[in-house]
Amino acid sequence: MATIKVKQVRSRIGCPKAQKRTLDALGLRKTGRVKEYNDNPAVRGMIEKVKHLVQIEN
């Protein structure tokens, strides 16, 4: 299965609580952290919710 790397590039300070929870679900707690996930619709949906805080890496 294909994988996707997600990096948190902006701070979660000042974000709504729902977006903070989404970052927690993705395992991103600090700026600069990178996590790798299986590429599926659930992960893509979470990334879409916080797209202004994260970056997809190759």
PDB file of N, CA and C in Angstrom:
ATOM      1  N   MET A   1       0.844  -1.187   0.000  1.00  0.00           N
ATOM      2  CA  MET A   1       0.000   0.000   0.000  1.00  0.00           C
ATOM      3  C   MET A   1       0.889   1.250   0.000  1.00  0.00           C
ATOM      4  N   ALA A   2       0.440   2.272  -0.674  1.00  0.00           N
ATOM      5  CA  ALA A   2       1.191   3.526  -0.759  1.00  0.00           C
ATOM      6  C   ALA A   2       1.202   4.226   0.598  1.00  0.00           C
ATOM      7  N   THR A   3       2.265   4.967   0.844  1.00  0.00           N
ATOM      8  CA  THR A   3       2.370   5.723   2.088  1.00  0.00           C
ATOM      9  C   THR A   3       2.484   7.204   1.771  1.00  0.00           C
ATOM     10  N   ILE A   4       2.220   7.995   2.790  1.00  0.00           N
ATOM     11  CA  ILE A   4       2.265   9.446   2.658  1.00  0.00           C
ATOM     12  C   ILE A   4       2.954  10.009   3.898  1.00  0.00           C
ATOM     13  N   LYS A   5       3.847  10.972   3.709  1.00  0.00           N
ATOM     14  CA  LYS A   5       4.536  11.622   4.823  1.00  0.00           C
ATOM     15  C   LYS A   5       3.911  12.990   5.038  1.00  0.00           C
ATOM     16  N   VAL A   6       3.621  13.285   6.293  1.00  0.00           N
ATOM     17  CA  VAL A   6       2.996  14.549   6.654  1.00  0.00           C
ATOM     18  C   VAL A   6       3.891  15.261   7.665  1.00  0.00           C
ATOM     19  N   LYS A   7       4.186  16.520   7.409  1.00  0.00           N
ATOM     20  CA  LYS A   7       5.028  17.318   8.293  1.00  0.00           C
ATOM     21  C   LYS A   7       4.236  18.516   8.794  1.00  0.00           C
ATOM     22  N   GLN A   8       4.292  18.765  10.097  1.00  0.00           N
ATOM     23  CA  GLN A   8       3.644  19.948  10.661  1.00  0.00           C
ATOM     24  C   GLN A   8       4.573  21.132  10.454  1.00  0.00           C
ATOM     25  N   VAL A   9       4.089  22.165   9.758  1.00  0.00           N
ATOM     26  CA  VAL A   9       4.932  23.311   9.430  1.00  0.00           C
ATOM     27  C   VAL A   9       4.506  24.590  10.142  1.00  0.00           C
ATOM     28  N   ARG A  10       3.303  24.615  10.723  1.00  0.00           N
ATOM     29  CA  ARG A  10       2.850  25.799  11.455  1.00  0.00           C
ATOM     30  C   ARG A  10       2.382  25.389  12.843  1.00  0.00           C
ATOM     31  N   SER A  11       2.402  26.331  13.747  1.00  0.00           N
ATOM     32  CA  SER A  11       2.029  26.087  15.133  1.00  0.00           C
ATOM     33  C   SER A  11       0.527  25.885  15.274  1.00  0.00           C
ATOM     34  N   ARG A  12       0.161  25.109  16.280  1.00  0.00           N
ATOM     35  CA  ARG A  12      -1.248  24.863  16.577  1.00  0.00           C
ATOM     36  C   ARG A  12      -1.829  25.922  17.514  1.00  0.00           C
ATOM     37  N   ILE A  13      -0.995  26.850  17.987  1.00  0.00           N
ATOM     38  CA  ILE A  13      -1.451  27.892  18.902  1.00  0.00           C
ATOM     39  C   ILE A  13      -2.474  28.777  18.196  1.00  0.00           C
ATOM     40  N   GLY A  14      -3.598  28.989  18.838  1.00  0.00           N
ATOM     41  CA  GLY A  14      -4.638  29.834  18.287  1.00  0.00           C
ATOM     42  C   GLY A  14      -5.602  29.116  17.364  1.00  0.00           C
ATOM     43  N   CYS A  15      -5.411  27.827  17.139  1.00  0.00           N
ATOM     44  CA  CYS A  15      -6.299  27.049  16.271  1.00  0.00           C
ATOM     45  C   CYS A  15      -7.516  26.580  17.058  1.00  0.00           C
ATOM     46  N   PRO A  16      -8.617  26.331  16.362  1.00  0.00           N
ATOM     47  CA  PRO A  16      -9.787  25.773  17.048  1.00  0.00           C
ATOM     48  C   PRO A  16      -9.478  24.400  17.653  1.00  0.00           C
ATOM     49  N   LYS A  17     -10.235  24.047  18.658  1.00  0.00           N
ATOM     50  CA  LYS A  17     -10.015  22.800  19.373  1.00  0.00           C
ATOM     51  C   LYS A  17     -10.124  21.584  18.443  1.00  0.00           C
ATOM     52  N   ALA A  18     -11.041  21.628  17.486  1.00  0.00           N
ATOM     53  CA  ALA A  18     -11.216  20.509  16.553  1.00  0.00           C
ATOM     54  C   ALA A  18      -9.957  20.277  15.722  1.00  0.00           C
ATOM     55  N   GLN A  19      -9.293  21.344  15.328  1.00  0.00           N
ATOM     56  CA  GLN A  19      -8.067  21.201  14.550  1.00  0.00           C
ATOM     57  C   GLN A  19      -6.929  20.666  15.413  1.00  0.00           C
ATOM     58  N   LYS A  20      -6.886  21.067  16.669  1.00  0.00           N
ATOM     59  CA  LYS A  20      -5.871  20.534  17.589  1.00  0.00           C
ATOM     60  C   LYS A  20      -6.069  19.033  17.782  1.00  0.00           C
ATOM     61  N   ARG A  21      -7.330  18.613  17.890  1.00  0.00           N
ATOM     62  CA  ARG A  21      -7.623  17.194  18.038  1.00  0.00           C
ATOM     63  C   ARG A  21      -7.243  16.415  16.785  1.00  0.00           C
ATOM     64  N   THR A  22      -7.441  17.018  15.624  1.00  0.00           N
ATOM     65  CA  THR A  22      -7.053  16.365  14.373  1.00  0.00           C
ATOM     66  C   THR A  22      -5.542  16.184  14.311  1.00  0.00           C
ATOM     67  N   LEU A  23      -4.794  17.206  14.713  1.00  0.00           N
ATOM     68  CA  LEU A  23      -3.335  17.084  14.755  1.00  0.00           C
ATOM     69  C   LEU A  23      -2.915  15.996  15.747  1.00  0.00           C
ATOM     70  N   ASP A  24      -3.598  15.920  16.882  1.00  0.00           N
ATOM     71  CA  ASP A  24      -3.301  14.868  17.860  1.00  0.00           C
ATOM     72  C   ASP A  24      -3.565  13.489  17.257  1.00  0.00           C
ATOM     73  N   ALA A  25      -4.661  13.357  16.528  1.00  0.00           N
ATOM     74  CA  ALA A  25      -4.997  12.079  15.902  1.00  0.00           C
ATOM     75  C   ALA A  25      -3.958  11.687  14.855  1.00  0.00           C
ATOM     76  N   LEU A  26      -3.373  12.679  14.208  1.00  0.00           N
ATOM     77  CA  LEU A  26      -2.312  12.415  13.239  1.00  0.00           C
ATOM     78  C   LEU A  26      -0.961  12.174  13.920  1.00  0.00           C
ATOM     79  N   GLY A  27      -0.888  12.438  15.211  1.00  0.00           N
ATOM     80  CA  GLY A  27       0.358  12.234  15.945  1.00  0.00           C
ATOM     81  C   GLY A  27       1.330  13.382  15.799  1.00  0.00           C
ATOM     82  N   LEU A  28       0.840  14.544  15.401  1.00  0.00           N
ATOM     83  CA  LEU A  28       1.686  15.724  15.221  1.00  0.00           C
ATOM     84  C   LEU A  28       1.452  16.670  16.390  1.00  0.00           C
ATOM     85  N   ARG A  29       2.444  16.780  17.256  1.00  0.00           N
ATOM     86  CA  ARG A  29       2.303  17.612  18.454  1.00  0.00           C
ATOM     87  C   ARG A  29       3.216  18.817  18.455  1.00  0.00           C
ATOM     88  N   LYS A  30       4.285  18.781  17.657  1.00  0.00           N
ATOM     89  CA  LYS A  30       5.230  19.900  17.606  1.00  0.00           C
ATOM     90  C   LYS A  30       5.543  20.246  16.160  1.00  0.00           C
ATOM     91  N   THR A  31       5.832  21.508  15.916  1.00  0.00           N
ATOM     92  CA  THR A  31       6.222  21.965  14.599  1.00  0.00           C
ATOM     93  C   THR A  31       7.499  21.254  14.156  1.00  0.00           C
ATOM     94  N   GLY A  32       7.522  20.824  12.919  1.00  0.00           N
ATOM     95  CA  GLY A  32       8.699  20.163  12.379  1.00  0.00           C
ATOM     96  C   GLY A  32       8.654  18.646  12.433  1.00  0.00           C
ATOM     97  N   ARG A  33       7.670  18.091  13.117  1.00  0.00           N
ATOM     98  CA  ARG A  33       7.566  16.639  13.222  1.00  0.00           C
ATOM     99  C   ARG A  33       7.025  16.047  11.922  1.00  0.00           C
ATOM    100  N   VAL A  34       7.509  14.859  11.570  1.00  0.00           N
ATOM    101  CA  VAL A  34       7.083  14.164  10.352  1.00  0.00           C
ATOM    102  C   VAL A  34       6.565  12.788  10.741  1.00  0.00           C
ATOM    103  N   LYS A  35       5.425  12.409  10.188  1.00  0.00           N
ATOM    104  CA  LYS A  35       4.841  11.090  10.407  1.00  0.00           C
ATOM    105  C   LYS A  35       4.509  10.476   9.057  1.00  0.00           C
ATOM    106  N   GLU A  36       4.557   9.156   9.000  1.00  0.00           N
ATOM    107  CA  GLU A  36       4.255   8.433   7.770  1.00  0.00           C
ATOM    108  C   GLU A  36       3.005   7.580   7.994  1.00  0.00           C
ATOM    109  N   TYR A  37       2.070   7.643   7.054  1.00  0.00           N
ATOM    110  CA  TYR A  37       0.800   6.938   7.164  1.00  0.00           C
ATOM    111  C   TYR A  37       0.510   6.204   5.872  1.00  0.00           C
ATOM    112  N   ASN A  38      -0.347   5.188   5.965  1.00  0.00           N
ATOM    113  CA  ASN A  38      -0.875   4.574   4.764  1.00  0.00           C
ATOM    114  C   ASN A  38      -1.803   5.578   4.094  1.00  0.00           C
ATOM    115  N   ASP A  39      -1.712   5.671   2.788  1.00  0.00           N
ATOM    116  CA  ASP A  39      -2.518   6.642   2.039  1.00  0.00           C
ATOM    117  C   ASP A  39      -3.919   6.087   1.853  1.00  0.00           C
ATOM    118  N   ASN A  40      -4.868   6.594   2.660  1.00  0.00           N
ATOM    119  CA  ASN A  40      -6.259   6.171   2.543  1.00  0.00           C
ATOM    120  C   ASN A  40      -7.174   7.376   2.741  1.00  0.00           C
ATOM    121  N   PRO A  41      -8.446   7.245   2.418  1.00  0.00           N
ATOM    122  CA  PRO A  41      -9.363   8.386   2.508  1.00  0.00           C
ATOM    123  C   PRO A  41      -9.479   8.996   3.909  1.00  0.00           C
ATOM    124  N   ALA A  42      -9.367   8.195   4.948  1.00  0.00           N
ATOM    125  CA  ALA A  42      -9.483   8.727   6.308  1.00  0.00           C
ATOM    126  C   ALA A  42      -8.330   9.681   6.618  1.00  0.00           C
ATOM    127  N   VAL A  43      -7.125   9.287   6.276  1.00  0.00           N
ATOM    128  CA  VAL A  43      -5.954  10.135   6.519  1.00  0.00           C
ATOM    129  C   VAL A  43      -6.021  11.369   5.631  1.00  0.00           C
ATOM    130  N   ARG A  44      -6.411  11.191   4.378  1.00  0.00           N
ATOM    131  CA  ARG A  44      -6.542  12.344   3.470  1.00  0.00           C
ATOM    132  C   ARG A  44      -7.555  13.355   3.997  1.00  0.00           C
ATOM    133  N   GLY A  45      -8.642  12.876   4.601  1.00  0.00           N
ATOM    134  CA  GLY A  45      -9.652  13.767   5.170  1.00  0.00           C
ATOM    135  C   GLY A  45      -9.117  14.564   6.344  1.00  0.00           C
ATOM    136  N   MET A  46      -8.319  13.912   7.197  1.00  0.00           N
ATOM    137  CA  MET A  46      -7.727  14.619   8.338  1.00  0.00           C
ATOM    138  C   MET A  46      -6.730  15.675   7.853  1.00  0.00           C
ATOM    139  N   ILE A  47      -5.950  15.330   6.835  1.00  0.00           N
ATOM    140  CA  ILE A  47      -4.991  16.287   6.281  1.00  0.00           C
ATOM    141  C   ILE A  47      -5.720  17.483   5.688  1.00  0.00           C
ATOM    142  N   GLU A  48      -6.838  17.238   5.036  1.00  0.00           N
ATOM    143  CA  GLU A  48      -7.620  18.329   4.428  1.00  0.00           C
ATOM    144  C   GLU A  48      -8.118  19.309   5.490  1.00  0.00           C
ATOM    145  N   LYS A  49      -8.459  18.812   6.685  1.00  0.00           N
ATOM    146  CA  LYS A  49      -8.952  19.672   7.766  1.00  0.00           C
ATOM    147  C   LYS A  49      -7.879  20.614   8.304  1.00  0.00           C
ATOM    148  N   VAL A  50      -6.616  20.197   8.231  1.00  0.00           N
ATOM    149  CA  VAL A  50      -5.527  21.013   8.784  1.00  0.00           C
ATOM    150  C   VAL A  50      -4.486  21.326   7.717  1.00  0.00           C
ATOM    151  N   LYS A  51      -4.913  21.448   6.471  1.00  0.00           N
ATOM    152  CA  LYS A  51      -3.973  21.642   5.356  1.00  0.00           C
ATOM    153  C   LYS A  51      -3.165  22.908   5.476  1.00  0.00           C
ATOM    154  N   HIS A  52      -3.643  23.897   6.219  1.00  0.00           N
ATOM    155  CA  HIS A  52      -2.900  25.144   6.389  1.00  0.00           C
ATOM    156  C   HIS A  52      -1.805  25.009   7.466  1.00  0.00           C
ATOM    157  N   LEU A  53      -1.789  23.895   8.190  1.00  0.00           N
ATOM    158  CA  LEU A  53      -0.794  23.667   9.234  1.00  0.00           C
ATOM    159  C   LEU A  53       0.229  22.602   8.869  1.00  0.00           C
ATOM    160  N   VAL A  54      -0.065  21.805   7.840  1.00  0.00           N
ATOM    161  CA  VAL A  54       0.808  20.696   7.489  1.00  0.00           C
ATOM    162  C   VAL A  54       1.250  20.777   6.036  1.00  0.00           C
ATOM    163  N   GLN A  55       2.234  19.941   5.723  1.00  0.00           N
ATOM    164  CA  GLN A  55       2.766  19.856   4.368  1.00  0.00           C
ATOM    165  C   GLN A  55       2.979  18.387   4.051  1.00  0.00           C
ATOM    166  N   ILE A  56       2.634  17.978   2.835  1.00  0.00           N
ATOM    167  CA  ILE A  56       2.857  16.594   2.411  1.00  0.00           C
ATOM    168  C   ILE A  56       4.228  16.517   1.775  1.00  0.00           C
ATOM    169  N   GLU A  57       5.031  15.548   2.240  1.00  0.00           N
ATOM    170  CA  GLU A  57       6.385  15.379   1.710  1.00  0.00           C
ATOM    171  C   GLU A  57       6.444  14.109   0.877  1.00  0.00           C
ATOM    172  N   ASN A  58       7.385  14.077  -0.042  1.00  0.00           N
ATOM    173  CA  ASN A  58       7.578  12.881  -0.866  1.00  0.00           C
ATOM    174  C   ASN A  58       8.704  12.048  -0.337  1.00  0.00           C
TER     175      ASN A  58
END
